[in-house]
């Protein structure tokens, strides 16, 4: 299964706690050439192929970024593996931004700063765009949540476990 995760949902934390979850960090797709930081032109395709392989052949639940190009690539793989979006409800804007502010304050990382600034400027637009991107949505309903349970409950709602078929003799 692949979970496209909004910034700050806890992808890295969950992947650190449980072996069956992987956070496929998109910041690893950058490289430097002649002092210029850039990505390969087809980085989204490479990134998504890696995510699909980890999901289908190694049976991990893979968290991916929610970049538009990643979502476009993932649309091509919906028949290969279950894919869902996981993001907070629109009404969680203020506490979510505060969560991202706290995260940046603790880490000081550039990626956390960019996530905070993006949410401050575009939270509603981001959530609307993600919710309407062609994937089933697993909603985070409150700030007090267990991501593993949210994912499990959401996946069971979207793809209910199948009951064994009766054998016809």
Protein backbone atom coordinates (compact mmCIF):
# COMPACT_ATOMS: atom_id res chain seq x y z
CA UNK A 1 0.00 0.00 0.00
CA UNK A 2 1.15 3.53 -0.74
CA UNK A 3 0.06 6.46 1.40
CA UNK A 4 0.53 9.94 -0.04
CA UNK A 5 1.05 11.93 3.13
CA UNK A 6 0.56 15.60 3.81
CA UNK A 7 3.42 17.39 5.56
CA UNK A 8 3.64 16.79 9.28
CA UNK A 9 1.27 13.83 9.58
CA UNK A 10 3.97 11.70 11.21
CA UNK A 11 5.30 9.63 8.30
CA UNK A 12 8.91 9.60 9.51
CA UNK A 13 7.98 8.99 13.13
CA UNK A 14 5.78 6.00 12.29
CA UNK A 15 8.40 4.54 9.94
CA UNK A 16 10.99 4.79 12.72
CA UNK A 17 8.71 2.88 15.10
CA UNK A 18 7.48 0.02 12.87
CA UNK A 19 9.44 -2.05 10.37
CA UNK A 20 6.51 -2.45 7.93
CA UNK A 21 6.25 1.31 7.23
CA UNK A 22 8.74 3.20 5.07
CA UNK A 23 8.96 6.96 4.63
CA UNK A 24 10.31 7.52 1.15
CA UNK A 25 11.85 10.93 1.74
CA UNK A 26 11.68 13.08 -1.41
CA UNK A 27 14.47 15.40 -0.26
CA UNK A 28 16.86 12.57 -1.14
CA UNK A 29 16.13 13.21 -4.83
CA UNK A 30 18.18 16.43 -4.90
CA UNK A 31 21.76 16.65 -6.10
CA UNK A 32 24.27 19.41 -6.64
CA UNK A 33 25.87 20.20 -9.98
CA UNK A 34 28.32 23.06 -10.40
CA UNK A 35 27.12 24.55 -7.13
CA UNK A 36 23.45 24.43 -8.19
CA UNK A 37 20.95 22.30 -6.29
CA UNK A 38 18.57 20.48 -8.65
CA UNK A 39 16.66 17.30 -9.39
CA UNK A 40 16.71 15.00 -12.38
CA UNK A 41 14.00 15.95 -14.90
CA UNK A 42 12.24 12.58 -14.34
CA UNK A 43 12.77 12.34 -10.58
CA UNK A 44 9.05 11.80 -9.91
CA UNK A 45 8.98 8.72 -12.18
CA UNK A 46 12.06 7.21 -10.51
CA UNK A 47 10.73 8.02 -7.02
CA UNK A 48 7.29 6.52 -7.75
CA UNK A 49 8.74 3.38 -9.37
CA UNK A 50 10.79 2.85 -6.24
CA UNK A 51 7.69 3.34 -4.03
CA UNK A 52 5.60 0.93 -6.13
CA UNK A 53 8.34 -1.71 -6.03
CA UNK A 54 8.69 -1.44 -2.25
CA UNK A 55 4.91 -1.78 -1.90
CA UNK A 56 4.28 -4.59 -4.38
CA UNK A 57 7.36 -6.80 -4.04
CA UNK A 58 8.43 -6.15 -0.46
CA UNK A 59 4.94 -5.47 0.97
CA UNK A 60 5.78 -2.30 2.85
CA UNK A 61 3.30 0.46 3.52
CA UNK A 62 5.19 3.25 1.78
CA UNK A 63 4.66 6.91 2.61
CA UNK A 64 5.35 9.24 -0.29
CA UNK A 65 5.43 12.98 -0.66
CA UNK A 66 2.36 14.81 -1.93
CA UNK A 67 4.10 16.79 -4.71
CA UNK A 68 1.87 17.27 -7.76
CA UNK A 69 4.30 15.38 -10.02
CA UNK A 70 4.43 12.45 -7.61
CA UNK A 71 0.63 12.31 -7.53
CA UNK A 72 0.46 12.39 -11.35
CA UNK A 73 2.92 9.49 -11.58
CA UNK A 74 1.09 7.50 -8.90
CA UNK A 75 -2.19 7.77 -10.84
CA UNK A 76 -0.58 5.47 -13.42
CA UNK A 77 -0.03 2.76 -10.79
CA UNK A 78 -3.46 2.50 -9.13
CA UNK A 79 -4.01 -0.99 -10.56
CA UNK A 80 -0.73 -2.32 -9.14
CA UNK A 81 -1.08 -1.41 -5.48
CA UNK A 82 -3.61 0.32 -3.22
CA UNK A 83 -2.88 4.05 -3.01
CA UNK A 84 -4.57 6.55 -0.72
CA UNK A 85 -4.12 10.14 0.40
CA UNK A 86 -3.74 10.92 4.11
CA UNK A 87 -4.23 14.51 5.26
CA UNK A 88 -5.76 16.55 8.05
CA UNK A 89 -9.27 17.92 7.81
CA UNK A 90 -9.52 21.50 6.50
CA UNK A 91 -10.80 22.74 9.87
CA UNK A 92 -7.51 21.72 11.55
CA UNK A 93 -5.63 24.56 9.85
CA UNK A 94 -4.60 26.60 12.90
CA UNK A 95 -3.49 23.70 15.12
CA UNK A 96 -1.77 22.07 12.13
CA UNK A 97 0.25 25.18 11.39
CA UNK A 98 1.16 25.37 15.07
CA UNK A 99 2.30 21.73 14.91
CA UNK A 100 4.52 22.53 11.92
CA UNK A 101 5.85 25.64 13.68
CA UNK A 102 6.79 23.52 16.71
CA UNK A 103 8.41 20.91 14.49
CA UNK A 104 10.55 23.53 12.77
CA UNK A 105 11.42 25.09 16.13
CA UNK A 106 12.69 21.73 17.36
CA UNK A 107 14.51 20.61 14.21
CA UNK A 108 15.67 23.84 12.56
CA UNK A 109 15.66 21.89 9.27
CA UNK A 110 15.14 23.72 5.99
CA UNK A 111 12.56 21.14 4.86
CA UNK A 112 10.52 21.78 8.02
CA UNK A 113 10.71 25.54 7.46
CA UNK A 114 9.50 25.13 3.86
CA UNK A 115 6.65 22.89 5.04
CA UNK A 116 5.61 25.51 7.60
CA UNK A 117 5.73 28.37 5.10
CA UNK A 118 3.78 26.33 2.55
CA UNK A 119 1.05 25.54 5.08
CA UNK A 120 0.85 29.16 6.25
CA UNK A 121 0.40 30.35 2.66
CA UNK A 122 -1.64 27.51 1.15
CA UNK A 123 -3.16 25.13 3.75
CA UNK A 124 -6.75 25.27 2.45
CA UNK A 125 -5.62 25.12 -1.17
CA UNK A 126 -3.29 22.19 -0.42
CA UNK A 127 -5.95 20.16 1.37
CA UNK A 128 -8.55 20.80 -1.34
CA UNK A 129 -6.06 19.87 -4.06
CA UNK A 130 -5.06 16.66 -2.28
CA UNK A 131 -8.64 15.63 -1.50
CA UNK A 132 -9.56 16.04 -5.17
CA UNK A 133 -6.50 14.39 -6.72
CA UNK A 134 -8.12 11.10 -7.71
CA UNK A 135 -7.17 8.99 -4.70
CA UNK A 136 -9.30 7.83 -1.78
CA UNK A 137 -8.72 10.05 1.25
CA UNK A 138 -7.91 8.90 4.76
CA UNK A 139 -8.76 11.91 6.92
CA UNK A 140 -7.04 12.90 10.14
CA UNK A 141 -10.00 14.05 12.20
CA UNK A 142 -8.29 15.63 15.22
CA UNK A 143 -4.86 16.63 16.50
CA UNK A 144 -4.86 13.73 18.95
CA UNK A 145 -4.42 10.68 16.72
CA UNK A 146 -2.43 7.50 16.26
CA UNK A 147 -1.29 7.51 12.63
CA UNK A 148 -1.00 3.70 12.43
CA UNK A 149 -4.63 3.36 13.58
CA UNK A 150 -5.81 6.14 11.24
CA UNK A 151 -4.13 4.37 8.30
CA UNK A 152 -5.43 0.93 9.28
CA UNK A 153 -9.00 2.13 9.85
CA UNK A 154 -8.95 4.18 6.66
CA UNK A 155 -7.55 1.34 4.58
CA UNK A 156 -10.16 -1.07 5.95
CA UNK A 157 -12.88 1.44 5.10
CA UNK A 158 -11.57 2.00 1.56
CA UNK A 159 -10.58 -1.58 0.81
CA UNK A 160 -12.64 -3.79 3.15
CA UNK A 161 -11.10 -7.19 3.86
CA UNK A 162 -12.55 -9.79 1.53
CA UNK A 163 -14.40 -12.75 2.93
CA UNK A 164 -13.38 -16.19 1.65
CA UNK A 165 -15.47 -17.40 -1.27
CA UNK A 166 -17.49 -20.50 -0.75
CA UNK A 167 -16.00 -23.46 -2.57
CA UNK A 168 -18.41 -24.91 -5.09
CA UNK A 169 -18.12 -28.69 -5.42
